[in-house]
Amino acid sequence: MAEIKFDIVEKLGVLGESSKGWQKELNLISWNSRGAKADIRDWDESHEMMEKGVTLNRKELIALKKLLSELDLDSLEME
């Protein structure tokens, strides 16, 4: 399997922490020397290991922001 190269261009924030101590983060990441995209995934403390995540381009991130702002989060049944 080919090595995946990444560069965390900007750390935007921490969304939470897993039971094993990894943090779910929103970052701008350049994958394989391409343009940076928004990325949500769990990272170990050193940012050397990661879990599967979601990568969003600018248009998708704008759509997600709009969708979240329109939701009544208090009415959702979830943990």
PDB file of N, CA and C in Angstrom:
ATOM      1  N   MET A   1       0.839  -1.172   0.000  1.00  0.00           N
ATOM      2  CA  MET A   1       0.000   0.000   0.000  1.00  0.00           C
ATOM      3  C   MET A   1       0.891   1.245   0.000  1.00  0.00           C
ATOM      4  N   ALA A   2       0.537   2.222  -0.816  1.00  0.00           N
ATOM      5  CA  ALA A   2       1.329   3.457  -0.926  1.00  0.00           C
ATOM      6  C   ALA A   2       1.233   4.278   0.355  1.00  0.00           C
ATOM      7  N   GLU A   3       2.316   4.932   0.675  1.00  0.00           N
ATOM      8  CA  GLU A   3       2.349   5.787   1.856  1.00  0.00           C
ATOM      9  C   GLU A   3       1.512   7.036   1.609  1.00  0.00           C
ATOM     10  N   ILE A   4       0.719   7.398   2.594  1.00  0.00           N
ATOM     11  CA  ILE A   4      -0.091   8.611   2.516  1.00  0.00           C
ATOM     12  C   ILE A   4       0.673   9.731   3.203  1.00  0.00           C
ATOM     13  N   LYS A   5       0.901  10.815   2.472  1.00  0.00           N
ATOM     14  CA  LYS A   5       1.600  11.966   3.027  1.00  0.00           C
ATOM     15  C   LYS A   5       0.574  13.012   3.413  1.00  0.00           C
ATOM     16  N   PHE A   6       0.785  13.652   4.559  1.00  0.00           N
ATOM     17  CA  PHE A   6      -0.135  14.695   4.993  1.00  0.00           C
ATOM     18  C   PHE A   6       0.627  15.803   5.704  1.00  0.00           C
ATOM     19  N   ASP A   7       0.056  16.993   5.624  1.00  0.00           N
ATOM     20  CA  ASP A   7       0.610  18.149   6.329  1.00  0.00           C
ATOM     21  C   ASP A   7      -0.566  18.884   6.968  1.00  0.00           C
ATOM     22  N   ILE A   8      -0.553  18.980   8.292  1.00  0.00           N
ATOM     23  CA  ILE A   8      -1.592  19.735   8.983  1.00  0.00           C
ATOM     24  C   ILE A   8      -1.247  21.207   8.811  1.00  0.00           C
ATOM     25  N   VAL A   9      -1.990  21.875   7.940  1.00  0.00           N
ATOM     26  CA  VAL A   9      -1.739  23.270   7.589  1.00  0.00           C
ATOM     27  C   VAL A   9      -2.174  24.190   8.723  1.00  0.00           C
ATOM     28  N   GLU A  10      -3.339  23.872   9.317  1.00  0.00           N
ATOM     29  CA  GLU A  10      -3.852  24.689  10.419  1.00  0.00           C
ATOM     30  C   GLU A  10      -4.760  23.847  11.298  1.00  0.00           C
ATOM     31  N   LYS A  11      -4.546  23.919  12.604  1.00  0.00           N
ATOM     32  CA  LYS A  11      -5.412  23.242  13.570  1.00  0.00           C
ATOM     33  C   LYS A  11      -6.548  24.200  13.918  1.00  0.00           C
ATOM     34  N   LEU A  12      -7.781  23.787  13.601  1.00  0.00           N
ATOM     35  CA  LEU A  12      -8.929  24.659  13.798  1.00  0.00           C
ATOM     36  C   LEU A  12      -9.618  24.432  15.136  1.00  0.00           C
ATOM     37  N   GLY A  13      -9.558  23.217  15.681  1.00  0.00           N
ATOM     38  CA  GLY A  13     -10.174  22.991  16.984  1.00  0.00           C
ATOM     39  C   GLY A  13     -10.335  21.525  17.318  1.00  0.00           C
ATOM     40  N   VAL A  14     -10.556  21.279  18.599  1.00  0.00           N
ATOM     41  CA  VAL A  14     -10.785  19.935  19.124  1.00  0.00           C
ATOM     42  C   VAL A  14     -12.277  19.788  19.387  1.00  0.00           C
ATOM     43  N   LEU A  15     -12.865  18.697  18.878  1.00  0.00           N
ATOM     44  CA  LEU A  15     -14.291  18.444  19.043  1.00  0.00           C
ATOM     45  C   LEU A  15     -14.584  17.527  20.220  1.00  0.00           C
ATOM     46  N   GLY A  16     -13.629  16.723  20.612  1.00  0.00           N
ATOM     47  CA  GLY A  16     -13.832  15.799  21.716  1.00  0.00           C
ATOM     48  C   GLY A  16     -12.634  14.883  21.878  1.00  0.00           C
ATOM     49  N   GLU A  17     -12.746  13.973  22.853  1.00  0.00           N
ATOM     50  CA  GLU A  17     -11.660  13.036  23.123  1.00  0.00           C
ATOM     51  C   GLU A  17     -12.240  11.651  23.323  1.00  0.00           C
ATOM     52  N   SER A  18     -11.584  10.656  22.743  1.00  0.00           N
ATOM     53  CA  SER A  18     -12.045   9.269  22.860  1.00  0.00           C
ATOM     54  C   SER A  18     -11.569   8.666  24.175  1.00  0.00           C
ATOM     55  N   SER A  19     -12.093   7.483  24.487  1.00  0.00           N
ATOM     56  CA  SER A  19     -11.711   6.791  25.723  1.00  0.00           C
ATOM     57  C   SER A  19     -10.242   6.388  25.728  1.00  0.00           C
ATOM     58  N   LYS A  20      -9.626   6.266  24.541  1.00  0.00           N
ATOM     59  CA  LYS A  20      -8.203   5.916  24.494  1.00  0.00           C
ATOM     60  C   LYS A  20      -7.303   7.147  24.458  1.00  0.00           C
ATOM     61  N   GLY A  21      -7.898   8.336  24.619  1.00  0.00           N
ATOM     62  CA  GLY A  21      -7.107   9.561  24.714  1.00  0.00           C
ATOM     63  C   GLY A  21      -6.849  10.277  23.400  1.00  0.00           C
ATOM     64  N   TRP A  22      -7.337   9.733  22.299  1.00  0.00           N
ATOM     65  CA  TRP A  22      -7.166  10.400  21.010  1.00  0.00           C
ATOM     66  C   TRP A  22      -8.169  11.538  20.914  1.00  0.00           C
ATOM     67  N   GLN A  23      -7.806  12.597  20.214  1.00  0.00           N
ATOM     68  CA  GLN A  23      -8.686  13.746  20.075  1.00  0.00           C
ATOM     69  C   GLN A  23      -9.312  13.797  18.685  1.00  0.00           C
ATOM     70  N   LYS A  24     -10.630  14.058  18.663  1.00  0.00           N
ATOM     71  CA  LYS A  24     -11.320  14.294  17.393  1.00  0.00           C
ATOM     72  C   LYS A  24     -11.121  15.771  17.080  1.00  0.00           C
ATOM     73  N   GLU A  25     -10.496  16.050  15.932  1.00  0.00           N
ATOM     74  CA  GLU A  25     -10.098  17.415  15.591  1.00  0.00           C
ATOM     75  C   GLU A  25     -10.643  17.838  14.238  1.00  0.00           C
ATOM     76  N   LEU A  26     -10.845  19.144  14.107  1.00  0.00           N
ATOM     77  CA  LEU A  26     -11.132  19.771  12.827  1.00  0.00           C
ATOM     78  C   LEU A  26      -9.865  20.514  12.431  1.00  0.00           C
ATOM     79  N   ASN A  27      -9.279  20.114  11.308  1.00  0.00           N
ATOM     80  CA  ASN A  27      -8.029  20.702  10.835  1.00  0.00           C
ATOM     81  C   ASN A  27      -8.112  20.987   9.337  1.00  0.00           C
ATOM     82  N   LEU A  28      -7.230  21.855   8.868  1.00  0.00           N
ATOM     83  CA  LEU A  28      -6.993  21.992   7.429  1.00  0.00           C
ATOM     84  C   LEU A  28      -5.785  21.136   7.120  1.00  0.00           C
ATOM     85  N   ILE A  29      -5.943  20.181   6.217  1.00  0.00           N
ATOM     86  CA  ILE A  29      -4.876  19.224   5.920  1.00  0.00           C
ATOM     87  C   ILE A  29      -4.632  19.152   4.420  1.00  0.00           C
ATOM     88  N   SER A  30      -3.362  19.142   4.056  1.00  0.00           N
ATOM     89  CA  SER A  30      -2.951  18.894   2.681  1.00  0.00           C
ATOM     90  C   SER A  30      -2.583  17.415   2.589  1.00  0.00           C
ATOM     91  N   TRP A  31      -3.309  16.672   1.769  1.00  0.00           N
ATOM     92  CA  TRP A  31      -3.048  15.253   1.568  1.00  0.00           C
ATOM     93  C   TRP A  31      -2.239  15.074   0.284  1.00  0.00           C
ATOM     94  N   ASN A  32      -1.117  14.376   0.382  1.00  0.00           N
ATOM     95  CA  ASN A  32      -0.272  14.074  -0.780  1.00  0.00           C
ATOM     96  C   ASN A  32       0.074  15.328  -1.589  1.00  0.00           C
ATOM     97  N   SER A  33       0.439  16.389  -0.880  1.00  0.00           N
ATOM     98  CA  SER A  33       0.895  17.666  -1.471  1.00  0.00           C
ATOM     99  C   SER A  33      -0.171  18.360  -2.316  1.00  0.00           C
ATOM    100  N   ARG A  34      -1.433  18.065  -2.049  1.00  0.00           N
ATOM    101  CA  ARG A  34      -2.525  18.747  -2.751  1.00  0.00           C
ATOM    102  C   ARG A  34      -3.014  19.919  -1.901  1.00  0.00           C
ATOM    103  N   GLY A  35      -3.960  20.678  -2.433  1.00  0.00           N
ATOM    104  CA  GLY A  35      -4.526  21.804  -1.699  1.00  0.00           C
ATOM    105  C   GLY A  35      -5.177  21.358  -0.399  1.00  0.00           C
ATOM    106  N   ALA A  36      -5.145  22.212   0.603  1.00  0.00           N
ATOM    107  CA  ALA A  36      -5.693  21.879   1.916  1.00  0.00           C
ATOM    108  C   ALA A  36      -7.209  21.744   1.861  1.00  0.00           C
ATOM    109  N   LYS A  37      -7.729  20.806   2.667  1.00  0.00           N
ATOM    110  CA  LYS A  37      -9.164  20.591   2.820  1.00  0.00           C
ATOM    111  C   LYS A  37      -9.467  20.487   4.305  1.00  0.00           C
ATOM    112  N   ALA A  38     -10.712  20.792   4.654  1.00  0.00           N
ATOM    113  CA  ALA A  38     -11.153  20.606   6.035  1.00  0.00           C
ATOM    114  C   ALA A  38     -11.217  19.109   6.312  1.00  0.00           C
ATOM    115  N   ASP A  39     -10.836  18.717   7.517  1.00  0.00           N
ATOM    116  CA  ASP A  39     -10.743  17.304   7.841  1.00  0.00           C
ATOM    117  C   ASP A  39     -11.158  17.090   9.292  1.00  0.00           C
ATOM    118  N   ILE A  40     -12.034  16.106   9.510  1.00  0.00           N
ATOM    119  CA  ILE A  40     -12.468  15.737  10.864  1.00  0.00           C
ATOM    120  C   ILE A  40     -12.080  14.284  11.087  1.00  0.00           C
ATOM    121  N   ARG A  41     -11.236  14.033  12.092  1.00  0.00           N
ATOM    122  CA  ARG A  41     -10.840  12.670  12.422  1.00  0.00           C
ATOM    123  C   ARG A  41     -10.176  12.640  13.791  1.00  0.00           C
ATOM    124  N   ASP A  42     -10.006  11.430  14.339  1.00  0.00           N
ATOM    125  CA  ASP A  42      -9.302  11.228  15.609  1.00  0.00           C
ATOM    126  C   ASP A  42      -7.811  11.096  15.352  1.00  0.00           C
ATOM    127  N   TRP A  43      -7.031  11.750  16.225  1.00  0.00           N
ATOM    128  CA  TRP A  43      -5.570  11.719  16.140  1.00  0.00           C
ATOM    129  C   TRP A  43      -4.979  11.309  17.477  1.00  0.00           C
ATOM    130  N   ASP A  44      -3.840  10.607  17.422  1.00  0.00           N
ATOM    131  CA  ASP A  44      -3.108  10.356  18.658  1.00  0.00           C
ATOM    132  C   ASP A  44      -2.409  11.659  19.071  1.00  0.00           C
ATOM    133  N   GLU A  45      -1.834  11.667  20.244  1.00  0.00           N
ATOM    134  CA  GLU A  45      -1.243  12.889  20.796  1.00  0.00           C
ATOM    135  C   GLU A  45      -0.138  13.474  19.920  1.00  0.00           C
ATOM    136  N   SER A  46       0.637  12.617  19.281  1.00  0.00           N
ATOM    137  CA  SER A  46       1.768  13.080  18.472  1.00  0.00           C
ATOM    138  C   SER A  46       1.389  13.390  17.016  1.00  0.00           C
ATOM    139  N   HIS A  47       0.151  13.134  16.646  1.00  0.00           N
ATOM    140  CA  HIS A  47      -0.331  13.319  15.271  1.00  0.00           C
ATOM    141  C   HIS A  47       0.444  12.451  14.264  1.00  0.00           C
ATOM    142  N   GLU A  48       0.863  11.271  14.720  1.00  0.00           N
ATOM    143  CA  GLU A  48       1.516  10.304  13.844  1.00  0.00           C
ATOM    144  C   GLU A  48       0.555   9.203  13.408  1.00  0.00           C
ATOM    145  N   MET A  49      -0.454   8.939  14.238  1.00  0.00           N
ATOM    146  CA  MET A  49      -1.451   7.905  13.927  1.00  0.00           C
ATOM    147  C   MET A  49      -2.825   8.552  13.904  1.00  0.00           C
ATOM    148  N   MET A  50      -3.690   8.026  13.014  1.00  0.00           N
ATOM    149  CA  MET A  50      -5.019   8.598  12.862  1.00  0.00           C
ATOM    150  C   MET A  50      -6.046   7.517  12.614  1.00  0.00           C
ATOM    151  N   GLU A  51      -7.294   7.848  12.872  1.00  0.00           N
ATOM    152  CA  GLU A  51      -8.425   6.988  12.533  1.00  0.00           C
ATOM    153  C   GLU A  51      -9.004   7.453  11.194  1.00  0.00           C
ATOM    154  N   LYS A  52      -9.946   6.692  10.677  1.00  0.00           N
ATOM    155  CA  LYS A  52     -10.659   7.125   9.473  1.00  0.00           C
ATOM    156  C   LYS A  52     -11.401   8.408   9.799  1.00  0.00           C
ATOM    157  N   GLY A  53     -11.578   9.252   8.791  1.00  0.00           N
ATOM    158  CA  GLY A  53     -12.246  10.514   9.024  1.00  0.00           C
ATOM    159  C   GLY A  53     -13.026  10.974   7.818  1.00  0.00           C
ATOM    160  N   VAL A  54     -13.382  12.250   7.857  1.00  0.00           N
ATOM    161  CA  VAL A  54     -14.156  12.878   6.789  1.00  0.00           C
ATOM    162  C   VAL A  54     -13.387  14.093   6.308  1.00  0.00           C
ATOM    163  N   THR A  55     -13.186  14.189   4.997  1.00  0.00           N
ATOM    164  CA  THR A  55     -12.508  15.328   4.390  1.00  0.00           C
ATOM    165  C   THR A  55     -13.520  16.093   3.549  1.00  0.00           C
ATOM    166  N   LEU A  56     -13.541  17.423   3.733  1.00  0.00           N
ATOM    167  CA  LEU A  56     -14.519  18.271   3.060  1.00  0.00           C
ATOM    168  C   LEU A  56     -13.823  19.387   2.299  1.00  0.00           C
ATOM    169  N   ASN A  57     -14.288  19.632   1.068  1.00  0.00           N
ATOM    170  CA  ASN A  57     -13.774  20.790   0.342  1.00  0.00           C
ATOM    171  C   ASN A  57     -14.526  22.045   0.848  1.00  0.00           C
ATOM    172  N   ARG A  58     -14.164  23.214   0.353  1.00  0.00           N
ATOM    173  CA  ARG A  58     -14.770  24.461   0.828  1.00  0.00           C
ATOM    174  C   ARG A  58     -16.297  24.455   0.675  1.00  0.00           C
ATOM    175  N   LYS A  59     -16.784  24.019  -0.492  1.00  0.00           N
ATOM    176  CA  LYS A  59     -18.227  24.007  -0.753  1.00  0.00           C
ATOM    177  C   LYS A  59     -18.952  23.090   0.233  1.00  0.00           C
ATOM    178  N   GLU A  60     -18.390  21.922   0.504  1.00  0.00           N
ATOM    179  CA  GLU A  60     -19.001  20.979   1.447  1.00  0.00           C
ATOM    180  C   GLU A  60     -18.969  21.522   2.875  1.00  0.00           C
ATOM    181  N   LEU A  61     -17.879  22.188   3.251  1.00  0.00           N
ATOM    182  CA  LEU A  61     -17.781  22.760   4.592  1.00  0.00           C
ATOM    183  C   LEU A  61     -18.805  23.876   4.783  1.00  0.00           C
ATOM    184  N   ILE A  62     -18.998  24.694   3.769  1.00  0.00           N
ATOM    185  CA  ILE A  62     -20.012  25.751   3.824  1.00  0.00           C
ATOM    186  C   ILE A  62     -21.404  25.138   3.963  1.00  0.00           C
ATOM    187  N   ALA A  63     -21.684  24.067   3.208  1.00  0.00           N
ATOM    188  CA  ALA A  63     -22.985  23.391   3.286  1.00  0.00           C
ATOM    189  C   ALA A  63     -23.203  22.786   4.676  1.00  0.00           C
ATOM    190  N   LEU A  64     -22.148  22.196   5.259  1.00  0.00           N
ATOM    191  CA  LEU A  64     -22.250  21.623   6.599  1.00  0.00           C
ATOM    192  C   LEU A  64     -22.533  22.718   7.632  1.00  0.00           C
ATOM    193  N   LYS A  65     -21.831  23.831   7.530  1.00  0.00           N
ATOM    194  CA  LYS A  65     -22.050  24.951   8.457  1.00  0.00           C
ATOM    195  C   LYS A  65     -23.495  25.437   8.372  1.00  0.00           C
ATOM    196  N   LYS A  66     -24.014  25.581   7.153  1.00  0.00           N
ATOM    197  CA  LYS A  66     -25.392  26.036   6.954  1.00  0.00           C
ATOM    198  C   LYS A  66     -26.368  25.035   7.540  1.00  0.00           C
ATOM    199  N   LEU A  67     -26.156  23.760   7.256  1.00  0.00           N
ATOM    200  CA  LEU A  67     -27.033  22.711   7.763  1.00  0.00           C
ATOM    201  C   LEU A  67     -27.062  22.710   9.291  1.00  0.00           C
ATOM    202  N   LEU A  68     -25.889  22.779   9.924  1.00  0.00           N
ATOM    203  CA  LEU A  68     -25.822  22.769  11.386  1.00  0.00           C
ATOM    204  C   LEU A  68     -26.490  23.993  11.991  1.00  0.00           C
ATOM    205  N   SER A  69     -26.351  25.151  11.352  1.00  0.00           N
ATOM    206  CA  SER A  69     -26.962  26.366  11.889  1.00  0.00           C
ATOM    207  C   SER A  69     -28.486  26.314  11.813  1.00  0.00           C
ATOM    208  N   GLU A  70     -29.027  25.525  10.886  1.00  0.00           N
ATOM    209  CA  GLU A  70     -30.471  25.411  10.718  1.00  0.00           C
ATOM    210  C   GLU A  70     -31.096  24.317  11.585  1.00  0.00           C
ATOM    211  N   LEU A  71     -30.293  23.431  12.136  1.00  0.00           N
ATOM    212  CA  LEU A  71     -30.808  22.326  12.951  1.00  0.00           C
ATOM    213  C   LEU A  71     -31.183  22.797  14.352  1.00  0.00           C
ATOM    214  N   ASP A  72     -32.241  22.203  14.894  1.00  0.00           N
ATOM    215  CA  ASP A  72     -32.582  22.384  16.304  1.00  0.00           C
ATOM    216  C   ASP A  72     -31.901  21.236  17.051  1.00  0.00           C
ATOM    217  N   LEU A  73     -30.682  21.466  17.481  1.00  0.00           N
ATOM    218  CA  LEU A  73     -29.876  20.410  18.085  1.00  0.00           C
ATOM    219  C   LEU A  73     -30.480  19.884  19.397  1.00  0.00           C
ATOM    220  N   ASP A  74     -31.241  20.734  20.103  1.00  0.00           N
ATOM    221  CA  ASP A  74     -31.857  20.305  21.351  1.00  0.00           C
ATOM    222  C   ASP A  74     -32.941  19.247  21.127  1.00  0.00           C
ATOM    223  N   SER A  75     -33.513  19.208  19.927  1.00  0.00           N
ATOM    224  CA  SER A  75     -34.592  18.253  19.657  1.00  0.00           C
ATOM    225  C   SER A  75     -34.085  16.904  19.158  1.00  0.00           C
ATOM    226  N   LEU A  76     -32.810  16.783  18.883  1.00  0.00           N
ATOM    227  CA  LEU A  76     -32.258  15.526  18.381  1.00  0.00           C
ATOM    228  C   LEU A  76     -32.079  14.530  19.515  1.00  0.00           C
ATOM    229  N   GLU A  77     -32.474  13.301  19.271  1.00  0.00           N
ATOM    230  CA  GLU A  77     -32.294  12.230  20.261  1.00  0.00           C
ATOM    231  C   GLU A  77     -30.969  11.552  19.998  1.00  0.00           C
ATOM    232  N   MET A  78     -29.974  11.879  20.793  1.00  0.00           N
ATOM    233  CA  MET A  78     -28.644  11.304  20.624  1.00  0.00           C
ATOM    234  C   MET A  78     -27.850  11.471  21.908  1.00  0.00           C
ATOM    235  N   GLU A  79     -26.732  10.751  21.999  1.00  0.00           N
ATOM    236  CA  GLU A  79     -25.882  10.825  23.204  1.00  0.00           C
ATOM    237  C   GLU A  79     -25.252  12.190  23.315  1.00  0.00           C
TER     238      GLU A  79
END
